[in-house]
Amino acid sequence: MRLGNVRPERVKRIARELLAKYPDKFTANFEENKKVLSNIAHIPSSRLRNSIAGYITRLVSISEMRSATANKK
């Protein structure tokens, strides 16, 4: 059994809001998402920015996997 990462609700809320507002700017690439975050939002620390970028990357990759499996059916 694999356990997931525990992320603060603040990270999740900010990530979901940004993903809803800018859905076409984010990809499944963490490094690109860090750069996009630096350009569109003022994040006070690099650690918080990295957490948000990581969660956005996870959400995008999950959504891509779901759409890929839906297209196979």
N, C-alpha and C. Protein backbone atom coordinates (compact mmCIF):
# COMPACT_ATOMS: atom_id res chain seq x y z
N MET A 1 0.83 -1.18 0.00
CA MET A 1 0.00 0.00 0.00
C MET A 1 0.88 1.24 0.00
N ARG A 2 0.54 2.17 -0.88
CA ARG A 2 1.33 3.38 -1.01
C ARG A 2 0.57 4.55 -0.42
N LEU A 3 1.23 5.31 0.43
CA LEU A 3 0.59 6.47 1.03
C LEU A 3 0.90 7.71 0.21
N GLY A 4 -0.01 8.65 0.18
CA GLY A 4 0.18 9.87 -0.60
C GLY A 4 0.81 10.96 0.23
N ASN A 5 1.10 12.06 -0.44
CA ASN A 5 1.64 13.22 0.25
C ASN A 5 0.54 13.94 1.01
N VAL A 6 0.89 14.45 2.18
CA VAL A 6 -0.04 15.26 2.93
C VAL A 6 0.29 16.71 2.61
N ARG A 7 -0.69 17.43 2.07
CA ARG A 7 -0.46 18.82 1.69
C ARG A 7 -1.41 19.71 2.47
N PRO A 8 -0.95 20.88 2.87
CA PRO A 8 -1.85 21.79 3.58
C PRO A 8 -3.02 22.23 2.69
N GLU A 9 -4.13 22.51 3.32
CA GLU A 9 -5.31 22.93 2.58
C GLU A 9 -5.03 24.22 1.80
N ARG A 10 -4.18 25.07 2.33
CA ARG A 10 -3.83 26.33 1.64
C ARG A 10 -3.20 26.05 0.28
N VAL A 11 -2.29 25.08 0.22
CA VAL A 11 -1.64 24.71 -1.04
C VAL A 11 -2.68 24.20 -2.02
N LYS A 12 -3.57 23.32 -1.55
CA LYS A 12 -4.58 22.75 -2.42
C LYS A 12 -5.54 23.82 -2.94
N ARG A 13 -5.97 24.73 -2.06
CA ARG A 13 -6.92 25.77 -2.46
C ARG A 13 -6.31 26.69 -3.50
N ILE A 14 -5.09 27.15 -3.26
CA ILE A 14 -4.42 28.05 -4.21
C ILE A 14 -4.21 27.35 -5.54
N ALA A 15 -3.78 26.10 -5.51
CA ALA A 15 -3.53 25.34 -6.74
C ALA A 15 -4.80 25.17 -7.55
N ARG A 16 -5.90 24.81 -6.88
CA ARG A 16 -7.17 24.62 -7.59
C ARG A 16 -7.67 25.93 -8.19
N GLU A 17 -7.54 27.03 -7.44
CA GLU A 17 -7.98 28.33 -7.94
C GLU A 17 -7.18 28.74 -9.17
N LEU A 18 -5.87 28.59 -9.11
CA LEU A 18 -5.02 28.97 -10.25
C LEU A 18 -5.27 28.07 -11.45
N LEU A 19 -5.49 26.79 -11.21
CA LEU A 19 -5.76 25.86 -12.30
C LEU A 19 -7.10 26.15 -12.96
N ALA A 20 -8.07 26.58 -12.16
CA ALA A 20 -9.38 26.93 -12.72
C ALA A 20 -9.29 28.24 -13.51
N LYS A 21 -8.48 29.17 -13.03
CA LYS A 21 -8.36 30.48 -13.68
C LYS A 21 -7.49 30.42 -14.94
N TYR A 22 -6.43 29.61 -14.92
CA TYR A 22 -5.50 29.51 -16.04
C TYR A 22 -5.31 28.05 -16.46
N PRO A 23 -6.35 27.38 -16.95
CA PRO A 23 -6.22 25.94 -17.24
C PRO A 23 -5.26 25.62 -18.39
N ASP A 24 -5.09 26.54 -19.33
CA ASP A 24 -4.25 26.27 -20.50
C ASP A 24 -2.77 26.59 -20.25
N LYS A 25 -2.43 27.21 -19.13
CA LYS A 25 -1.04 27.60 -18.88
C LYS A 25 -0.22 26.49 -18.21
N PHE A 26 -0.88 25.56 -17.53
CA PHE A 26 -0.16 24.55 -16.76
C PHE A 26 -0.06 23.25 -17.52
N THR A 27 1.06 22.53 -17.29
CA THR A 27 1.31 21.26 -17.95
C THR A 27 1.65 20.20 -16.89
N ALA A 28 2.02 19.03 -17.33
CA ALA A 28 2.44 17.97 -16.42
C ALA A 28 3.94 18.06 -16.12
N ASN A 29 4.57 19.17 -16.45
CA ASN A 29 5.99 19.38 -16.21
C ASN A 29 6.17 20.33 -15.02
N PHE A 30 6.79 19.84 -13.96
CA PHE A 30 6.98 20.61 -12.73
C PHE A 30 7.79 21.90 -12.97
N GLU A 31 8.88 21.80 -13.70
CA GLU A 31 9.74 22.97 -13.92
C GLU A 31 9.00 24.07 -14.67
N GLU A 32 8.22 23.70 -15.68
CA GLU A 32 7.45 24.70 -16.42
C GLU A 32 6.40 25.33 -15.52
N ASN A 33 5.77 24.54 -14.67
CA ASN A 33 4.75 25.07 -13.78
C ASN A 33 5.33 26.05 -12.77
N LYS A 34 6.57 25.81 -12.32
CA LYS A 34 7.23 26.76 -11.41
C LYS A 34 7.41 28.11 -12.10
N LYS A 35 7.82 28.09 -13.36
CA LYS A 35 8.02 29.34 -14.10
C LYS A 35 6.71 30.06 -14.32
N VAL A 36 5.66 29.32 -14.66
CA VAL A 36 4.35 29.93 -14.88
C VAL A 36 3.86 30.57 -13.59
N LEU A 37 4.03 29.88 -12.46
CA LEU A 37 3.60 30.43 -11.18
C LEU A 37 4.35 31.72 -10.85
N SER A 38 5.62 31.75 -11.14
CA SER A 38 6.41 32.96 -10.87
C SER A 38 5.90 34.14 -11.68
N ASN A 39 5.38 33.87 -12.88
CA ASN A 39 4.90 34.95 -13.74
C ASN A 39 3.48 35.41 -13.41
N ILE A 40 2.61 34.51 -12.98
CA ILE A 40 1.20 34.90 -12.82
C ILE A 40 0.79 35.18 -11.39
N ALA A 41 1.57 34.75 -10.40
CA ALA A 41 1.17 34.94 -9.01
C ALA A 41 2.36 35.35 -8.16
N HIS A 42 2.07 36.12 -7.13
CA HIS A 42 3.12 36.50 -6.18
C HIS A 42 3.07 35.50 -5.03
N ILE A 43 4.03 34.58 -5.00
CA ILE A 43 4.13 33.57 -3.95
C ILE A 43 5.30 33.99 -3.05
N PRO A 44 5.06 34.17 -1.74
CA PRO A 44 6.09 34.75 -0.88
C PRO A 44 7.35 33.90 -0.68
N SER A 45 7.26 32.58 -0.82
CA SER A 45 8.46 31.77 -0.61
C SER A 45 8.59 30.72 -1.71
N SER A 46 9.82 30.33 -1.96
CA SER A 46 10.05 29.33 -3.01
C SER A 46 9.53 27.96 -2.57
N ARG A 47 9.55 27.68 -1.28
CA ARG A 47 9.04 26.40 -0.80
C ARG A 47 7.53 26.29 -1.05
N LEU A 48 6.79 27.36 -0.78
CA LEU A 48 5.36 27.37 -1.04
C LEU A 48 5.09 27.28 -2.54
N ARG A 49 5.86 28.02 -3.34
CA ARG A 49 5.72 27.96 -4.79
C ARG A 49 5.94 26.55 -5.31
N ASN A 50 6.96 25.88 -4.80
CA ASN A 50 7.25 24.52 -5.23
C ASN A 50 6.15 23.54 -4.83
N SER A 51 5.58 23.73 -3.65
CA SER A 51 4.49 22.87 -3.21
C SER A 51 3.27 23.04 -4.10
N ILE A 52 2.95 24.29 -4.42
CA ILE A 52 1.81 24.58 -5.29
C ILE A 52 2.06 24.02 -6.69
N ALA A 53 3.26 24.24 -7.21
CA ALA A 53 3.60 23.75 -8.55
C ALA A 53 3.54 22.22 -8.58
N GLY A 54 4.00 21.57 -7.53
CA GLY A 54 3.95 20.13 -7.47
C GLY A 54 2.53 19.59 -7.44
N TYR A 55 1.66 20.26 -6.69
CA TYR A 55 0.28 19.81 -6.63
C TYR A 55 -0.44 20.05 -7.95
N ILE A 56 -0.16 21.19 -8.59
CA ILE A 56 -0.75 21.46 -9.91
C ILE A 56 -0.27 20.41 -10.91
N THR A 57 1.01 20.06 -10.88
CA THR A 57 1.54 19.04 -11.77
C THR A 57 0.81 17.71 -11.55
N ARG A 58 0.57 17.37 -10.30
CA ARG A 58 -0.14 16.14 -9.98
C ARG A 58 -1.58 16.17 -10.51
N LEU A 59 -2.27 17.30 -10.31
CA LEU A 59 -3.65 17.42 -10.79
C LEU A 59 -3.72 17.32 -12.31
N VAL A 60 -2.79 17.98 -13.00
CA VAL A 60 -2.80 17.96 -14.46
C VAL A 60 -2.50 16.55 -14.97
N SER A 61 -1.53 15.88 -14.37
CA SER A 61 -1.18 14.53 -14.85
C SER A 61 -2.32 13.55 -14.59
N ILE A 62 -3.02 13.68 -13.47
CA ILE A 62 -4.18 12.83 -13.20
C ILE A 62 -5.27 13.08 -14.22
N SER A 63 -5.52 14.35 -14.51
CA SER A 63 -6.56 14.68 -15.48
C SER A 63 -6.20 14.18 -16.88
N GLU A 64 -4.92 14.23 -17.25
CA GLU A 64 -4.48 13.70 -18.55
C GLU A 64 -4.65 12.19 -18.61
N MET A 65 -4.35 11.51 -17.51
CA MET A 65 -4.51 10.05 -17.49
C MET A 65 -5.98 9.67 -17.60
N ARG A 66 -6.84 10.40 -16.92
CA ARG A 66 -8.27 10.10 -16.99
C ARG A 66 -8.82 10.34 -18.39
N SER A 67 -8.38 11.41 -19.03
CA SER A 67 -8.89 11.68 -20.38
C SER A 67 -8.34 10.65 -21.38
N ALA A 68 -7.12 10.18 -21.15
CA ALA A 68 -6.54 9.17 -22.04
C ALA A 68 -7.28 7.85 -21.92
N THR A 69 -7.64 7.47 -20.70
CA THR A 69 -8.36 6.22 -20.53
C THR A 69 -9.80 6.34 -21.01
N ALA A 70 -10.36 7.52 -20.91
CA ALA A 70 -11.73 7.73 -21.40
C ALA A 70 -11.76 7.66 -22.94
N ASN A 71 -10.69 8.10 -23.59
CA ASN A 71 -10.63 8.05 -25.05
C ASN A 71 -10.42 6.64 -25.56
N LYS A 72 -9.82 5.76 -24.75
CA LYS A 72 -9.59 4.38 -25.17
C LYS A 72 -10.87 3.58 -25.20
N LYS A 73 -11.82 3.97 -24.37
CA LYS A 73 -13.08 3.19 -24.28
C LYS A 73 -13.99 3.42 -25.42
